[in-house]
Amino acid sequence: MKLSVIFSTYNSPDWMEKTLWGLHYQTYQNFEIVIADDGSDAETKARIEQFERDSGRKITHVWQEDDGFQKTRILNKALIATTGEYIVFTDGDCVCRNDFLQVHVDNAQPGYFLSGGYFKLPMPASEAITRAHIESGLAFDVDFLVDHGLKPNYKTMKLTATPTKAKWLNRITPTSPTWNGHNASTFRDLIFATNGFDERMQYGGEDREMGERLFNMGIKSKQIRYSAICVHLDHARGYVKPEMITKNKAIRKYTKENKVLRTPFGIEKD
């Protein structure tokens, strides 16, 4: 099964490079990478081209002009550019463990989408991780991360759980398996049936709303938060505005109450 892996980025070339190397070293290799670039400057393009030279991979770089936070708009453009039958989403501030895509493939099931999470890192650990650490798996080693500023707590079980324990944790976690844009996947035709992301939405649940339309279609969700592992690199969120969140909540409320299946503000504009 060919996968299309989509992640978004905006003027964060250092973090984006780490995301790319995390994908490069996956054990499952039948995939393409589509970058949804929400208006980055020339440095991001240059780093992508350098990665292509260093890795031997071809990247599909989908770019739009900077018009503020327009992630849903660029994600729809990236979706149009995909050629895989199954779509995996992550973010340009996440580094995926080498079995990340294999977990998504192993759990893919018609009539379902997969819901994963992330393990959040402090800034010193985020900065310390290199290509070599990603390749060796050290970037996901608790001792290494503690040595670089991580305060150990119960959440580190995400990084240490065996496959058997991870499946058990997936079953008992109280966290609902929702569509989480940094770690989610489903079949391409299901996403296009919903018409993709609602482009009225900006920051604050903008990914999750599409998952709510999948639920309205009768699609179920499967929890893989302890199996599909990625670490989240620290960064500021200066683009967040309260009015964005208020507007998004209203759209999501309407989607749920009216059982909306297909947004008229998505890939195709009705």
Protein backbone atom coordinates (compact mmCIF):
# COMPACT_ATOMS: atom_id res chain seq x y z
CA MET A 1 0.00 0.00 0.00
CA LYS A 2 1.44 3.35 -1.04
CA LEU A 3 1.22 6.09 1.58
CA SER A 4 1.22 9.84 1.14
CA VAL A 5 2.69 11.54 4.21
CA ILE A 6 1.63 15.16 4.60
CA PHE A 7 3.05 17.62 7.09
CA SER A 8 2.67 21.38 7.36
CA THR A 9 5.43 23.91 7.95
CA TYR A 10 5.95 27.65 8.24
CA ASN A 11 9.41 29.26 8.51
CA SER A 12 10.82 26.55 10.78
CA PRO A 13 13.52 24.98 8.61
CA ASP A 14 15.53 23.50 11.49
CA TRP A 15 12.51 21.65 12.85
CA MET A 16 11.34 20.72 9.35
CA GLU A 17 14.67 19.06 8.61
CA LYS A 18 14.32 16.88 11.70
CA THR A 19 10.82 15.91 10.60
CA LEU A 20 12.17 14.95 7.18
CA TRP A 21 14.96 12.80 8.61
CA GLY A 22 12.47 11.07 10.89
CA LEU A 23 10.50 10.08 7.80
CA HIS A 24 13.60 9.14 5.85
CA TYR A 25 14.61 6.47 8.37
CA GLN A 26 11.25 4.70 8.48
CA THR A 27 11.21 0.91 8.27
CA TYR A 28 8.20 1.13 5.93
CA GLN A 29 9.39 2.75 2.74
CA ASN A 30 6.51 2.73 0.24
CA PHE A 31 5.56 6.37 0.71
CA GLU A 32 5.85 9.87 -0.69
CA ILE A 33 6.38 13.08 1.31
CA VAL A 34 4.17 16.09 0.60
CA ILE A 35 5.06 19.29 2.46
CA ALA A 36 2.20 21.74 3.00
CA ASP A 37 4.05 25.05 3.24
CA ASP A 38 1.93 27.93 4.55
CA GLY A 39 4.06 30.75 3.10
CA SER A 40 7.64 30.10 4.24
CA ASP A 41 10.51 32.16 2.83
CA ALA A 42 13.29 30.97 0.53
CA GLU A 43 15.29 29.33 3.32
CA THR A 44 12.72 26.54 3.65
CA LYS A 45 12.86 25.82 -0.10
CA ALA A 46 16.66 25.72 0.05
CA ARG A 47 16.63 23.27 2.98
CA ILE A 48 14.17 20.99 1.16
CA GLU A 49 16.44 20.95 -1.89
CA GLN A 50 19.45 20.17 0.32
CA PHE A 51 17.55 17.32 1.95
CA GLU A 52 16.70 15.93 -1.49
CA ARG A 53 20.41 15.93 -2.39
CA ASP A 54 21.49 14.37 0.90
CA SER A 55 18.76 11.73 1.09
CA GLY A 56 18.18 10.91 -2.57
CA ARG A 57 14.43 11.46 -2.05
CA LYS A 58 12.10 13.58 -4.11
CA ILE A 59 9.84 15.85 -2.05
CA THR A 60 6.57 17.34 -3.24
CA HIS A 61 6.70 20.92 -1.91
CA VAL A 62 3.30 22.61 -2.06
CA TRP A 63 3.61 26.32 -1.22
CA GLN A 64 1.22 29.25 -0.93
CA GLU A 65 1.80 32.92 -0.24
CA ASP A 66 1.89 34.02 3.40
CA ASP A 67 -1.60 35.22 4.35
CA GLY A 68 -1.50 34.60 8.08
CA PHE A 69 -2.33 31.22 9.58
CA GLN A 70 -4.00 29.33 6.70
CA LYS A 71 -3.07 25.75 7.49
CA THR A 72 -6.36 24.26 6.32
CA ARG A 73 -6.01 25.92 2.94
CA ILE A 74 -2.50 24.57 2.31
CA LEU A 75 -3.44 21.11 3.60
CA ASN A 76 -6.16 20.91 0.96
CA LYS A 77 -3.67 21.91 -1.72
CA ALA A 78 -1.31 19.23 -0.44
CA LEU A 79 -4.10 16.64 -0.53
CA ILE A 80 -4.69 17.37 -4.21
CA ALA A 81 -0.99 16.68 -4.84
CA THR A 82 -1.03 13.22 -3.21
CA THR A 83 -0.85 9.99 -5.20
CA GLY A 84 -1.04 7.39 -2.40
CA GLU A 85 -4.19 5.46 -1.54
CA TYR A 86 -3.69 6.05 2.18
CA ILE A 87 -2.85 9.42 3.80
CA VAL A 88 -0.81 9.87 6.97
CA PHE A 89 -0.64 13.31 8.60
CA THR A 90 1.99 14.66 10.95
CA ASP A 91 3.43 18.16 11.57
CA GLY A 92 6.67 19.93 10.71
CA ASP A 93 7.55 20.12 14.40
CA CYS A 94 7.28 16.36 15.01
CA VAL A 95 9.92 13.65 14.61
CA CYS A 96 8.56 10.16 13.98
CA ARG A 97 10.13 7.03 15.41
CA ASN A 98 11.28 4.61 12.73
CA ASP A 99 8.26 2.30 13.12
CA PHE A 100 5.72 5.14 12.90
CA LEU A 101 4.52 4.43 9.35
CA GLN A 102 4.58 0.67 9.87
CA VAL A 103 2.20 1.10 12.83
CA HIS A 104 -0.18 3.12 10.67
CA VAL A 105 -0.06 0.50 7.91
CA ASP A 106 -0.55 -2.41 10.32
CA ASN A 107 -3.61 -0.75 11.88
CA ALA A 108 -5.22 0.63 8.72
CA GLN A 109 -8.74 -0.70 8.31
CA PRO A 110 -11.61 0.18 5.97
CA GLY A 111 -14.24 2.28 7.72
CA TYR A 112 -11.76 3.64 10.30
CA PHE A 113 -9.31 6.45 10.84
CA LEU A 114 -6.33 6.14 13.17
CA SER A 115 -5.72 8.52 16.07
CA GLY A 116 -2.25 9.00 17.54
CA GLY A 117 -0.61 11.53 19.83
CA TYR A 118 2.83 12.95 20.51
CA PHE A 119 5.39 13.18 23.29
CA LYS A 120 6.23 16.81 24.01
CA LEU A 121 9.89 17.79 24.44
CA PRO A 122 11.39 20.83 26.16
CA MET A 123 13.46 23.25 24.10
CA PRO A 124 16.94 21.95 25.13
CA ALA A 125 16.04 18.43 24.03
CA SER A 126 14.39 19.73 20.85
CA GLU A 127 17.56 21.60 19.92
CA ALA A 128 19.89 18.73 20.86
CA ILE A 129 18.39 16.15 18.50
CA THR A 130 20.44 15.63 15.34
CA ARG A 131 20.11 13.50 12.22
CA ALA A 132 22.41 10.92 13.84
CA HIS A 133 20.20 10.76 16.95
CA ILE A 134 17.14 10.21 14.75
CA GLU A 135 18.84 7.49 12.71
CA SER A 136 20.08 5.62 15.79
CA GLY A 137 16.83 6.02 17.73
CA LEU A 138 18.53 7.97 20.51
CA ALA A 139 16.09 10.83 19.91
CA PHE A 140 13.42 8.61 21.51
CA ASP A 141 15.58 7.35 24.39
CA VAL A 142 14.37 8.58 27.78
CA ASP A 143 17.85 8.74 29.31
CA PHE A 144 19.14 10.85 26.42
CA LEU A 145 16.16 13.19 26.65
CA VAL A 146 16.48 13.54 30.44
CA ASP A 147 20.14 14.44 29.95
CA HIS A 148 18.88 17.27 27.71
CA GLY A 149 16.26 18.81 29.95
CA LEU A 150 13.30 16.42 30.00
CA LYS A 151 11.70 16.03 33.41
CA PRO A 152 10.72 12.36 33.71
CA ASN A 153 7.10 11.56 34.52
CA TYR A 154 4.49 8.89 33.81
CA LYS A 155 4.12 10.06 30.22
CA THR A 156 7.52 8.59 29.31
CA MET A 157 5.78 5.22 29.09
CA LYS A 158 4.86 6.30 25.55
CA LEU A 159 8.54 5.98 24.67
CA THR A 160 9.31 2.84 26.66
CA ALA A 161 6.23 0.64 26.19
CA THR A 162 6.73 -2.67 24.41
CA PRO A 163 4.37 -3.36 21.48
CA THR A 164 2.23 -5.61 23.70
CA LYS A 165 2.02 -3.04 26.50
CA ALA A 166 1.33 -0.27 23.97
CA LYS A 167 -1.71 -2.16 22.66
CA TRP A 168 -2.98 -2.56 26.22
CA LEU A 169 -2.44 1.14 26.95
CA ASN A 170 -4.29 2.05 23.74
CA ARG A 171 -7.28 0.08 25.01
CA ILE A 172 -7.42 1.54 28.52
CA THR A 173 -6.51 5.18 27.90
CA PRO A 174 -9.35 7.60 28.73
CA THR A 175 -8.26 9.87 25.86
CA SER A 176 -10.78 9.81 23.03
CA PRO A 177 -9.45 8.73 19.61
CA THR A 178 -10.12 11.95 17.71
CA TRP A 179 -8.55 13.22 14.49
CA ASN A 180 -5.24 14.74 15.62
CA GLY A 181 -3.43 16.45 12.77
CA HIS A 182 0.05 15.64 14.07
CA ASN A 183 -0.62 11.88 14.04
CA ALA A 184 -3.65 10.61 12.13
CA SER A 185 -4.39 8.62 9.00
CA THR A 186 -7.10 7.15 6.81
CA PHE A 187 -7.86 6.25 3.22
CA ARG A 188 -7.60 9.02 0.66
CA ASP A 189 -11.10 8.46 -0.72
CA LEU A 190 -12.66 9.04 2.72
CA ILE A 191 -10.91 12.38 3.10
CA PHE A 192 -12.05 13.49 -0.36
CA ALA A 193 -15.60 12.36 0.44
CA THR A 194 -15.62 14.94 3.28
CA ASN A 195 -14.15 17.54 0.86
CA GLY A 196 -11.06 17.85 3.05
CA PHE A 197 -10.45 20.61 5.58
CA ASP A 198 -12.81 23.54 6.15
CA GLU A 199 -10.79 26.54 4.96
CA ARG A 200 -12.70 28.97 7.15
CA MET A 201 -10.90 27.49 10.13
CA GLN A 202 -7.59 28.73 11.47
CA TYR A 203 -5.82 27.73 14.69
CA GLY A 204 -7.72 25.71 17.30
CA GLY A 205 -9.25 22.35 16.46
CA GLU A 206 -8.93 23.00 12.73
CA ASP A 207 -7.76 19.44 12.08
CA ARG A 208 -10.25 17.82 14.41
CA GLU A 209 -13.30 19.24 12.61
CA MET A 210 -12.65 17.05 9.57
CA GLY A 211 -12.56 14.02 11.86
CA GLU A 212 -15.93 15.04 13.23
CA ARG A 213 -17.33 14.95 9.70
CA LEU A 214 -15.84 11.47 9.27
CA PHE A 215 -17.70 10.44 12.43
CA ASN A 216 -20.89 11.88 10.92
CA MET A 217 -20.31 9.65 7.88
CA GLY A 218 -20.24 6.60 10.13
CA ILE A 219 -16.46 6.21 10.12
CA LYS A 220 -15.03 4.92 13.40
CA SER A 221 -11.71 5.74 15.04
CA LYS A 222 -8.96 3.52 16.38
CA GLN A 223 -6.54 4.54 19.15
CA ILE A 224 -2.79 4.16 18.44
CA ARG A 225 -1.35 6.88 20.70
CA TYR A 226 0.98 4.46 22.51
CA SER A 227 2.05 2.64 19.34
CA ALA A 228 2.65 5.33 16.68
CA ILE A 229 5.31 7.41 18.41
CA CYS A 230 6.49 10.90 17.50
CA VAL A 231 8.19 13.55 19.61
CA HIS A 232 7.01 17.15 19.43
CA LEU A 233 9.69 19.83 19.21
CA ASP A 234 9.16 22.92 21.33
CA HIS A 235 8.27 26.29 19.79
CA ALA A 236 6.36 29.51 20.41
CA ARG A 237 2.80 30.03 19.14
CA GLY A 238 2.69 33.73 18.39
CA TYR A 239 0.16 33.18 15.62
CA VAL A 240 -2.63 32.17 18.03
CA LYS A 241 -5.47 34.69 18.36
CA PRO A 242 -8.55 34.27 20.58
CA GLU A 243 -10.92 35.14 17.75
CA MET A 244 -9.58 32.20 15.72
CA ILE A 245 -10.46 29.76 18.48
CA THR A 246 -13.91 31.30 18.98
CA LYS A 247 -14.74 31.05 15.28
CA ASN A 248 -13.48 27.47 15.08
CA LYS A 249 -15.56 26.39 18.07
CA ALA A 250 -18.68 27.77 16.39
CA ILE A 251 -17.94 25.87 13.16
CA ARG A 252 -17.30 22.64 15.04
CA LYS A 253 -20.50 23.07 17.04
CA TYR A 254 -22.47 23.48 13.81
CA THR A 255 -20.75 20.42 12.28
CA LYS A 256 -21.72 18.24 15.24
CA GLU A 257 -25.28 19.51 15.73
CA ASN A 258 -26.17 19.37 12.03
CA LYS A 259 -24.33 16.13 11.24
CA VAL A 260 -22.38 17.81 8.43
CA LEU A 261 -20.76 15.28 6.10
CA ARG A 262 -19.11 17.53 3.54
CA THR A 263 -17.83 21.06 3.95
CA PRO A 264 -18.64 23.50 1.15
CA PHE A 265 -15.44 25.37 2.07
CA GLY A 266 -12.98 22.57 1.34
CA ILE A 267 -11.02 21.13 -1.59
CA GLU A 268 -13.90 21.98 -3.91
CA LYS A 269 -15.70 25.27 -3.29
CA ASP A 270 -19.47 24.81 -3.54
